[in-house]
Amino acid sequence: MSFEGFSTLPPHVNERFKRFMSGDLPPAHRNMGIRPDLWCTEAEVGRVLFKWPNDGSRDIYEGRVFGGWIAALSDNIVSLCMVTALEEGEGFTTQDLQVKIFRPVSGPLIEIESRVVNRSKTTGYVEAEWRLPNGKVAAKVLAWKAIRPAESFAKKD
């Protein structure tokens, strides 16, 4: 699949998105079935929108999505959102991820919108909301991201 980029993002951000949006996913994404290439429908600096087609395959009980899945997908979403707010040469890692589930996540299409609430030189604070087809908030996600020079994340021998 070819990814042309989001016109609302700077070139260096689209370059980072390219791997995820072209289907060349890391092992964790492949193993868990996380598909930003299919589900991330909008992106701009400080915001992303995912539309997740809930087919029931991640339910713990019928009509109730497993909380661990909500956390895993949320970490990906808030991380892609953080990418939109990075300058060239910056990277980040998740310091803290909190998932608050208010009601069962169910329904055929779930919208998850994430926003960078605050970004300083060394820290990003990102939130996301999971909305049910009826518009009700089902879950709220809060994440702290440690921002560092990208080379500090290079694989070390």
N, C-alpha and C. Protein backbone atom coordinates (compact mmCIF):
# COMPACT_ATOMS: atom_id res chain seq x y z
N MET A 1 0.85 -1.17 0.00
CA MET A 1 0.00 0.00 0.00
C MET A 1 0.90 1.24 0.00
N SER A 2 0.56 2.23 -0.79
CA SER A 2 1.34 3.45 -0.88
C SER A 2 0.71 4.53 -0.01
N PHE A 3 1.54 5.21 0.74
CA PHE A 3 1.07 6.29 1.61
C PHE A 3 1.60 7.60 1.05
N GLU A 4 0.70 8.48 0.66
CA GLU A 4 1.08 9.77 0.08
C GLU A 4 1.30 10.84 1.14
N GLY A 5 0.85 10.59 2.35
CA GLY A 5 1.00 11.58 3.42
C GLY A 5 -0.28 12.34 3.66
N PHE A 6 -0.36 12.95 4.83
CA PHE A 6 -1.48 13.82 5.16
C PHE A 6 -1.05 15.24 4.82
N SER A 7 -1.86 15.95 4.05
CA SER A 7 -1.49 17.32 3.63
C SER A 7 -1.38 18.27 4.81
N THR A 8 -1.95 17.90 5.95
CA THR A 8 -1.95 18.75 7.13
C THR A 8 -0.70 18.57 8.00
N LEU A 9 0.21 17.67 7.58
CA LEU A 9 1.41 17.39 8.38
C LEU A 9 2.67 17.84 7.65
N PRO A 10 3.68 18.28 8.42
CA PRO A 10 4.96 18.63 7.79
C PRO A 10 5.64 17.39 7.20
N PRO A 11 6.51 17.59 6.22
CA PRO A 11 7.17 16.46 5.56
C PRO A 11 7.91 15.51 6.52
N HIS A 12 8.60 16.04 7.53
CA HIS A 12 9.35 15.14 8.43
C HIS A 12 8.41 14.26 9.25
N VAL A 13 7.20 14.73 9.52
CA VAL A 13 6.23 13.91 10.25
C VAL A 13 5.65 12.84 9.32
N ASN A 14 5.31 13.23 8.10
CA ASN A 14 4.80 12.24 7.13
C ASN A 14 5.83 11.15 6.88
N GLU A 15 7.10 11.51 6.90
CA GLU A 15 8.15 10.50 6.71
C GLU A 15 8.11 9.47 7.84
N ARG A 16 7.87 9.92 9.06
CA ARG A 16 7.78 8.99 10.20
C ARG A 16 6.50 8.17 10.14
N PHE A 17 5.43 8.76 9.64
CA PHE A 17 4.16 8.04 9.51
C PHE A 17 4.23 6.96 8.43
N LYS A 18 5.10 7.16 7.45
CA LYS A 18 5.12 6.30 6.26
C LYS A 18 5.19 4.81 6.60
N ARG A 19 6.05 4.43 7.54
CA ARG A 19 6.19 3.00 7.87
C ARG A 19 4.86 2.43 8.35
N PHE A 20 4.22 3.12 9.26
CA PHE A 20 2.96 2.63 9.83
C PHE A 20 1.82 2.67 8.82
N MET A 21 1.79 3.71 8.02
CA MET A 21 0.66 3.91 7.12
C MET A 21 0.81 3.14 5.81
N SER A 22 1.97 2.56 5.57
CA SER A 22 2.18 1.75 4.37
C SER A 22 2.01 0.27 4.65
N GLY A 23 1.70 -0.08 5.90
CA GLY A 23 1.49 -1.48 6.26
C GLY A 23 2.75 -2.21 6.66
N ASP A 24 3.91 -1.52 6.67
CA ASP A 24 5.17 -2.13 7.12
C ASP A 24 5.24 -1.95 8.63
N LEU A 25 4.54 -2.83 9.33
CA LEU A 25 4.33 -2.66 10.77
C LEU A 25 5.35 -3.42 11.60
N PRO A 26 5.68 -2.88 12.78
CA PRO A 26 6.59 -3.60 13.68
C PRO A 26 5.93 -4.88 14.19
N PRO A 27 6.74 -5.83 14.70
CA PRO A 27 6.20 -7.11 15.16
C PRO A 27 5.05 -6.98 16.16
N ALA A 28 5.16 -6.07 17.11
CA ALA A 28 4.10 -5.93 18.12
C ALA A 28 2.76 -5.58 17.46
N HIS A 29 2.79 -4.68 16.49
CA HIS A 29 1.56 -4.31 15.79
C HIS A 29 0.99 -5.50 15.03
N ARG A 30 1.86 -6.20 14.32
CA ARG A 30 1.40 -7.36 13.55
C ARG A 30 0.81 -8.42 14.47
N ASN A 31 1.49 -8.72 15.56
CA ASN A 31 1.03 -9.76 16.48
C ASN A 31 -0.30 -9.41 17.13
N MET A 32 -0.51 -8.13 17.43
CA MET A 32 -1.76 -7.72 18.09
C MET A 32 -2.84 -7.30 17.11
N GLY A 33 -2.50 -7.22 15.84
CA GLY A 33 -3.50 -6.82 14.85
C GLY A 33 -3.83 -5.34 14.86
N ILE A 34 -2.87 -4.51 15.27
CA ILE A 34 -3.07 -3.06 15.27
C ILE A 34 -2.76 -2.55 13.86
N ARG A 35 -3.72 -1.86 13.24
CA ARG A 35 -3.61 -1.45 11.84
C ARG A 35 -3.81 0.05 11.64
N PRO A 36 -2.81 0.86 12.02
CA PRO A 36 -2.96 2.29 11.76
C PRO A 36 -3.12 2.60 10.28
N ASP A 37 -2.57 1.75 9.43
CA ASP A 37 -2.68 1.97 7.98
C ASP A 37 -4.12 1.90 7.50
N LEU A 38 -4.97 1.18 8.22
CA LEU A 38 -6.38 1.06 7.85
C LEU A 38 -7.28 1.96 8.69
N TRP A 39 -6.87 2.28 9.89
CA TRP A 39 -7.78 2.93 10.84
C TRP A 39 -7.50 4.40 11.10
N CYS A 40 -6.29 4.89 10.84
CA CYS A 40 -5.99 6.31 11.06
C CYS A 40 -6.51 7.08 9.85
N THR A 41 -7.58 7.83 10.05
CA THR A 41 -8.25 8.49 8.93
C THR A 41 -7.93 9.98 8.82
N GLU A 42 -7.46 10.58 9.91
CA GLU A 42 -7.11 12.01 9.89
C GLU A 42 -5.89 12.23 10.76
N ALA A 43 -5.06 13.18 10.36
CA ALA A 43 -3.92 13.57 11.18
C ALA A 43 -3.54 15.00 10.85
N GLU A 44 -3.26 15.74 11.88
CA GLU A 44 -2.74 17.10 11.76
C GLU A 44 -1.82 17.30 12.95
N VAL A 45 -1.10 18.39 12.99
CA VAL A 45 -0.19 18.63 14.11
C VAL A 45 -0.99 18.67 15.40
N GLY A 46 -0.67 17.75 16.31
CA GLY A 46 -1.32 17.71 17.62
C GLY A 46 -2.63 16.94 17.68
N ARG A 47 -3.01 16.24 16.59
CA ARG A 47 -4.29 15.52 16.59
C ARG A 47 -4.27 14.37 15.59
N VAL A 48 -4.86 13.24 16.00
CA VAL A 48 -5.14 12.14 15.07
C VAL A 48 -6.53 11.59 15.36
N LEU A 49 -7.14 11.00 14.34
CA LEU A 49 -8.44 10.36 14.48
C LEU A 49 -8.34 8.96 13.90
N PHE A 50 -8.72 7.98 14.72
CA PHE A 50 -8.81 6.59 14.28
C PHE A 50 -10.27 6.20 14.22
N LYS A 51 -10.64 5.40 13.23
CA LYS A 51 -11.96 4.80 13.15
C LYS A 51 -11.73 3.29 13.13
N TRP A 52 -12.01 2.68 14.27
CA TRP A 52 -11.73 1.25 14.43
C TRP A 52 -12.99 0.44 14.18
N PRO A 53 -12.97 -0.44 13.15
CA PRO A 53 -14.12 -1.30 12.86
C PRO A 53 -14.14 -2.50 13.81
N ASN A 54 -14.89 -2.38 14.87
CA ASN A 54 -14.97 -3.43 15.90
C ASN A 54 -15.79 -4.60 15.37
N ASP A 55 -15.11 -5.69 15.08
CA ASP A 55 -15.80 -6.88 14.56
C ASP A 55 -16.08 -7.92 15.64
N GLY A 56 -15.79 -7.60 16.89
CA GLY A 56 -16.05 -8.52 17.99
C GLY A 56 -14.89 -9.47 18.28
N SER A 57 -13.86 -9.47 17.45
CA SER A 57 -12.75 -10.41 17.64
C SER A 57 -11.86 -10.06 18.83
N ARG A 58 -12.06 -8.89 19.41
CA ARG A 58 -11.27 -8.49 20.57
C ARG A 58 -12.12 -8.36 21.83
N ASP A 59 -13.27 -9.03 21.80
CA ASP A 59 -14.17 -9.02 22.96
C ASP A 59 -13.69 -10.00 24.03
N ILE A 60 -13.86 -9.61 25.27
CA ILE A 60 -13.62 -10.51 26.40
C ILE A 60 -14.92 -11.28 26.69
N TYR A 61 -16.03 -10.59 26.52
CA TYR A 61 -17.38 -11.16 26.55
C TYR A 61 -18.10 -10.55 25.36
N GLU A 62 -19.16 -11.16 24.91
CA GLU A 62 -19.88 -10.61 23.77
C GLU A 62 -20.28 -9.17 24.05
N GLY A 63 -19.89 -8.27 23.14
CA GLY A 63 -20.25 -6.87 23.27
C GLY A 63 -19.38 -6.08 24.24
N ARG A 64 -18.27 -6.65 24.70
CA ARG A 64 -17.37 -5.96 25.64
C ARG A 64 -15.93 -6.18 25.19
N VAL A 65 -15.32 -5.12 24.66
CA VAL A 65 -13.94 -5.21 24.20
C VAL A 65 -13.01 -5.39 25.41
N PHE A 66 -12.02 -6.25 25.27
CA PHE A 66 -11.03 -6.54 26.30
C PHE A 66 -10.25 -5.27 26.64
N GLY A 67 -10.14 -4.96 27.93
CA GLY A 67 -9.44 -3.76 28.38
C GLY A 67 -7.98 -3.71 27.96
N GLY A 68 -7.33 -4.86 27.91
CA GLY A 68 -5.94 -4.90 27.45
C GLY A 68 -5.79 -4.46 26.01
N TRP A 69 -6.79 -4.81 25.19
CA TRP A 69 -6.79 -4.36 23.79
C TRP A 69 -6.97 -2.85 23.73
N ILE A 70 -7.88 -2.33 24.54
CA ILE A 70 -8.10 -0.88 24.57
C ILE A 70 -6.79 -0.17 24.92
N ALA A 71 -6.06 -0.69 25.91
CA ALA A 71 -4.79 -0.08 26.32
C ALA A 71 -3.75 -0.17 25.20
N ALA A 72 -3.64 -1.34 24.56
CA ALA A 72 -2.63 -1.52 23.50
C ALA A 72 -2.90 -0.60 22.32
N LEU A 73 -4.14 -0.56 21.85
CA LEU A 73 -4.46 0.31 20.72
C LEU A 73 -4.30 1.77 21.12
N SER A 74 -4.69 2.10 22.34
CA SER A 74 -4.56 3.48 22.82
C SER A 74 -3.11 3.93 22.83
N ASP A 75 -2.20 3.07 23.26
CA ASP A 75 -0.78 3.44 23.29
C ASP A 75 -0.30 3.78 21.89
N ASN A 76 -0.75 3.02 20.90
CA ASN A 76 -0.39 3.32 19.52
C ASN A 76 -0.97 4.66 19.07
N ILE A 77 -2.21 4.90 19.40
CA ILE A 77 -2.88 6.13 18.96
C ILE A 77 -2.25 7.37 19.59
N VAL A 78 -2.06 7.37 20.91
CA VAL A 78 -1.46 8.55 21.55
C VAL A 78 -0.01 8.73 21.11
N SER A 79 0.66 7.62 20.77
CA SER A 79 2.03 7.73 20.28
C SER A 79 2.08 8.35 18.89
N LEU A 80 1.19 7.93 17.99
CA LEU A 80 1.15 8.56 16.67
C LEU A 80 0.77 10.04 16.79
N CYS A 81 -0.08 10.35 17.73
CA CYS A 81 -0.44 11.75 17.97
C CYS A 81 0.79 12.53 18.42
N MET A 82 1.58 11.96 19.32
CA MET A 82 2.80 12.62 19.79
C MET A 82 3.76 12.86 18.64
N VAL A 83 3.86 11.90 17.72
CA VAL A 83 4.74 12.06 16.55
C VAL A 83 4.41 13.34 15.80
N THR A 84 3.13 13.70 15.72
CA THR A 84 2.74 14.89 14.96
C THR A 84 3.28 16.17 15.56
N ALA A 85 3.67 16.14 16.84
CA ALA A 85 4.14 17.33 17.52
C ALA A 85 5.66 17.36 17.70
N LEU A 86 6.36 16.39 17.12
CA LEU A 86 7.82 16.34 17.25
C LEU A 86 8.50 17.20 16.19
N GLU A 87 9.64 17.75 16.57
CA GLU A 87 10.49 18.44 15.62
C GLU A 87 11.42 17.41 14.97
N GLU A 88 12.07 17.80 13.89
CA GLU A 88 13.05 16.90 13.28
C GLU A 88 14.13 16.59 14.30
N GLY A 89 14.54 15.31 14.35
CA GLY A 89 15.61 14.91 15.25
C GLY A 89 15.15 14.55 16.65
N GLU A 90 13.84 14.60 16.89
CA GLU A 90 13.32 14.23 18.22
C GLU A 90 12.67 12.85 18.18
N GLY A 91 12.73 12.18 19.31
CA GLY A 91 12.03 10.92 19.52
C GLY A 91 11.36 10.97 20.88
N PHE A 92 10.68 9.90 21.25
CA PHE A 92 10.01 9.89 22.55
C PHE A 92 9.79 8.46 23.00
N THR A 93 9.46 8.32 24.26
CA THR A 93 9.04 7.04 24.81
C THR A 93 7.90 7.30 25.79
N THR A 94 7.04 6.33 25.95
CA THR A 94 5.92 6.47 26.88
C THR A 94 6.44 6.33 28.30
N GLN A 95 6.16 7.34 29.14
CA GLN A 95 6.51 7.29 30.56
C GLN A 95 5.37 6.73 31.39
N ASP A 96 4.16 7.11 31.00
CA ASP A 96 2.98 6.71 31.78
C ASP A 96 1.79 6.63 30.83
N LEU A 97 1.01 5.57 30.99
CA LEU A 97 -0.20 5.38 30.18
C LEU A 97 -1.31 4.98 31.13
N GLN A 98 -2.38 5.77 31.14
CA GLN A 98 -3.54 5.47 31.98
C GLN A 98 -4.76 5.33 31.08
N VAL A 99 -5.53 4.29 31.34
CA VAL A 99 -6.76 4.05 30.59
C VAL A 99 -7.91 3.98 31.59
N LYS A 100 -8.88 4.84 31.40
CA LYS A 100 -10.07 4.88 32.26
C LYS A 100 -11.26 4.46 31.40
N ILE A 101 -11.87 3.33 31.76
CA ILE A 101 -13.01 2.81 30.99
C ILE A 101 -14.30 3.14 31.74
N PHE A 102 -15.17 3.91 31.11
CA PHE A 102 -16.40 4.37 31.74
C PHE A 102 -17.58 3.43 31.50
N ARG A 103 -17.59 2.80 30.34
CA ARG A 103 -18.68 1.88 29.97
C ARG A 103 -18.12 0.88 28.97
N PRO A 104 -18.82 -0.23 28.77
CA PRO A 104 -18.32 -1.22 27.82
C PRO A 104 -18.11 -0.61 26.43
N VAL A 105 -16.99 -0.95 25.83
CA VAL A 105 -16.72 -0.53 24.46
C VAL A 105 -17.37 -1.57 23.55
N SER A 106 -18.37 -1.12 22.81
CA SER A 106 -19.11 -2.01 21.92
C SER A 106 -19.64 -1.19 20.75
N GLY A 107 -20.03 -1.88 19.72
CA GLY A 107 -20.56 -1.22 18.54
C GLY A 107 -19.66 -1.47 17.35
N PRO A 108 -20.19 -1.29 16.14
CA PRO A 108 -19.46 -1.66 14.94
C PRO A 108 -18.33 -0.70 14.53
N LEU A 109 -18.41 0.56 14.91
CA LEU A 109 -17.38 1.52 14.52
C LEU A 109 -17.12 2.45 15.71
N ILE A 110 -15.90 2.39 16.22
CA ILE A 110 -15.51 3.18 17.37
C ILE A 110 -14.56 4.28 16.90
N GLU A 111 -14.83 5.52 17.28
CA GLU A 111 -13.94 6.63 16.95
C GLU A 111 -13.05 6.92 18.14
N ILE A 112 -11.75 7.02 17.88
CA ILE A 112 -10.79 7.35 18.92
C ILE A 112 -10.04 8.58 18.45
N GLU A 113 -10.24 9.69 19.15
CA GLU A 113 -9.58 10.94 18.80
C GLU A 113 -8.55 11.26 19.86
N SER A 114 -7.36 11.61 19.42
CA SER A 114 -6.27 11.93 20.33
C SER A 114 -5.75 13.33 20.05
N ARG A 115 -5.37 14.02 21.14
CA ARG A 115 -4.82 15.38 21.02
C ARG A 115 -3.63 15.55 21.95
N VAL A 116 -2.64 16.29 21.47
CA VAL A 116 -1.54 16.70 22.33
C VAL A 116 -2.06 17.89 23.13
N VAL A 117 -2.15 17.73 24.44
CA VAL A 117 -2.67 18.78 25.31
C VAL A 117 -1.57 19.77 25.66
N ASN A 118 -0.37 19.25 25.91
CA ASN A 118 0.76 20.11 26.25
C ASN A 118 2.05 19.45 25.77
N ARG A 119 2.92 20.28 25.24
CA ARG A 119 4.21 19.79 24.77
C ARG A 119 5.27 20.79 25.22
N SER A 120 6.21 20.33 26.03
CA SER A 120 7.34 21.17 26.44
C SER A 120 8.59 20.64 25.75
N LYS A 121 9.74 21.12 26.15
CA LYS A 121 10.99 20.67 25.53
C LYS A 121 11.24 19.18 25.76
N THR A 122 10.86 18.67 26.94
CA THR A 122 11.20 17.28 27.29
C THR A 122 10.01 16.37 27.56
N THR A 123 8.80 16.92 27.56
CA THR A 123 7.63 16.11 27.91
C THR A 123 6.43 16.47 27.04
N GLY A 124 5.69 15.43 26.67
CA GLY A 124 4.42 15.64 25.98
C GLY A 124 3.31 15.00 26.80
N TYR A 125 2.18 15.68 26.89
CA TYR A 125 1.00 15.13 27.56
C TYR A 125 -0.08 14.98 26.49
N VAL A 126 -0.55 13.75 26.30
CA VAL A 126 -1.49 13.43 25.23
C VAL A 126 -2.71 12.75 25.81
N GLU A 127 -3.88 13.09 25.30
CA GLU A 127 -5.13 12.44 25.72
C GLU A 127 -5.83 11.84 24.51
N ALA A 128 -6.67 10.86 24.78
CA ALA A 128 -7.52 10.29 23.72
C ALA A 128 -8.87 9.94 24.33
N GLU A 129 -9.90 10.02 23.50
CA GLU A 129 -11.24 9.60 23.91
C GLU A 129 -11.75 8.54 22.94
N TRP A 130 -12.31 7.49 23.50
CA TRP A 130 -12.98 6.44 22.73
C TRP A 130 -14.47 6.77 22.74
N ARG A 131 -15.07 6.96 21.57
CA ARG A 131 -16.49 7.28 21.48
C ARG A 131 -17.25 6.15 20.80
N LEU A 132 -18.37 5.81 21.41
CA LEU A 132 -19.25 4.77 20.88
C LEU A 132 -20.05 5.34 19.70
N PRO A 133 -20.69 4.48 18.91
CA PRO A 133 -21.51 4.97 17.80
C PRO A 133 -22.59 5.97 18.22
N ASN A 134 -23.07 5.89 19.48
CA ASN A 134 -24.08 6.83 19.95
C ASN A 134 -23.48 8.15 20.45
N GLY A 135 -22.16 8.30 20.34
CA GLY A 135 -21.49 9.54 20.73
C GLY A 135 -21.01 9.58 22.17
N LYS A 136 -21.40 8.60 22.97
CA LYS A 136 -20.98 8.59 24.37
C LYS A 136 -19.50 8.22 24.49
N VAL A 137 -18.83 8.86 25.47
CA VAL A 137 -17.43 8.53 25.74
C VAL A 137 -17.39 7.21 26.50
N ALA A 138 -16.65 6.24 25.97
CA ALA A 138 -16.52 4.93 26.61
C ALA A 138 -15.23 4.83 27.41
N ALA A 139 -14.19 5.52 26.96
CA ALA A 139 -12.90 5.45 27.65
C ALA A 139 -12.12 6.74 27.42
N LYS A 140 -11.28 7.04 28.39
CA LYS A 140 -10.41 8.21 28.32
C LYS A 140 -8.99 7.72 28.57
N VAL A 141 -8.06 8.20 27.78
CA VAL A 141 -6.66 7.77 27.87
C VAL A 141 -5.80 9.00 28.15
N LEU A 142 -4.87 8.85 29.08
CA LEU A 142 -3.94 9.91 29.45
C LEU A 142 -2.53 9.36 29.30
N ALA A 143 -1.65 10.07 28.63
CA ALA A 143 -0.29 9.57 28.43
C ALA A 143 0.74 10.68 28.58
N TRP A 144 1.82 10.34 29.26
CA TRP A 144 2.99 11.21 29.38
C TRP A 144 4.08 10.63 28.50
N LYS A 145 4.70 11.47 27.69
CA LYS A 145 5.76 11.05 26.78
C LYS A 145 7.05 11.80 27.10
N ALA A 146 8.14 11.06 27.24
CA ALA A 146 9.46 11.67 27.45
C ALA A 146 10.08 11.95 26.08
N ILE A 147 10.37 13.21 25.80
CA ILE A 147 10.94 13.62 24.52
C ILE A 147 12.45 13.71 24.66
N ARG A 148 13.15 13.06 23.73
CA ARG A 148 14.61 13.00 23.75
C ARG A 148 15.14 13.13 22.32
N PRO A 149 16.45 13.37 22.18
CA PRO A 149 17.02 13.34 20.83
C PRO A 149 16.81 11.95 20.21
N ALA A 150 16.46 11.91 18.96
CA ALA A 150 16.16 10.64 18.29
C ALA A 150 17.31 9.65 18.38
N GLU A 151 18.54 10.13 18.32
CA GLU A 151 19.68 9.20 18.36
C GLU A 151 19.79 8.47 19.69
N SER A 152 19.18 8.99 20.74
CA SER A 152 19.23 8.30 22.04
C SER A 152 18.41 7.01 22.03
N PHE A 153 17.58 6.82 21.00
CA PHE A 153 16.77 5.61 20.90
C PHE A 153 17.37 4.57 19.95
N ALA A 154 18.54 4.89 19.40
CA ALA A 154 19.19 3.95 18.48
C ALA A 154 19.58 2.67 19.22
N LYS A 155 19.50 1.56 18.51
CA LYS A 155 19.85 0.26 19.09
C LYS A 155 21.32 0.28 19.51
N LYS A 156 21.56 -0.17 20.72
CA LYS A 156 22.92 -0.22 21.24
C LYS A 156 23.40 -1.66 21.27
N ASP A 157 24.67 -1.86 20.96
CA ASP A 157 25.23 -3.22 20.97
C ASP A 157 25.52 -3.71 22.37
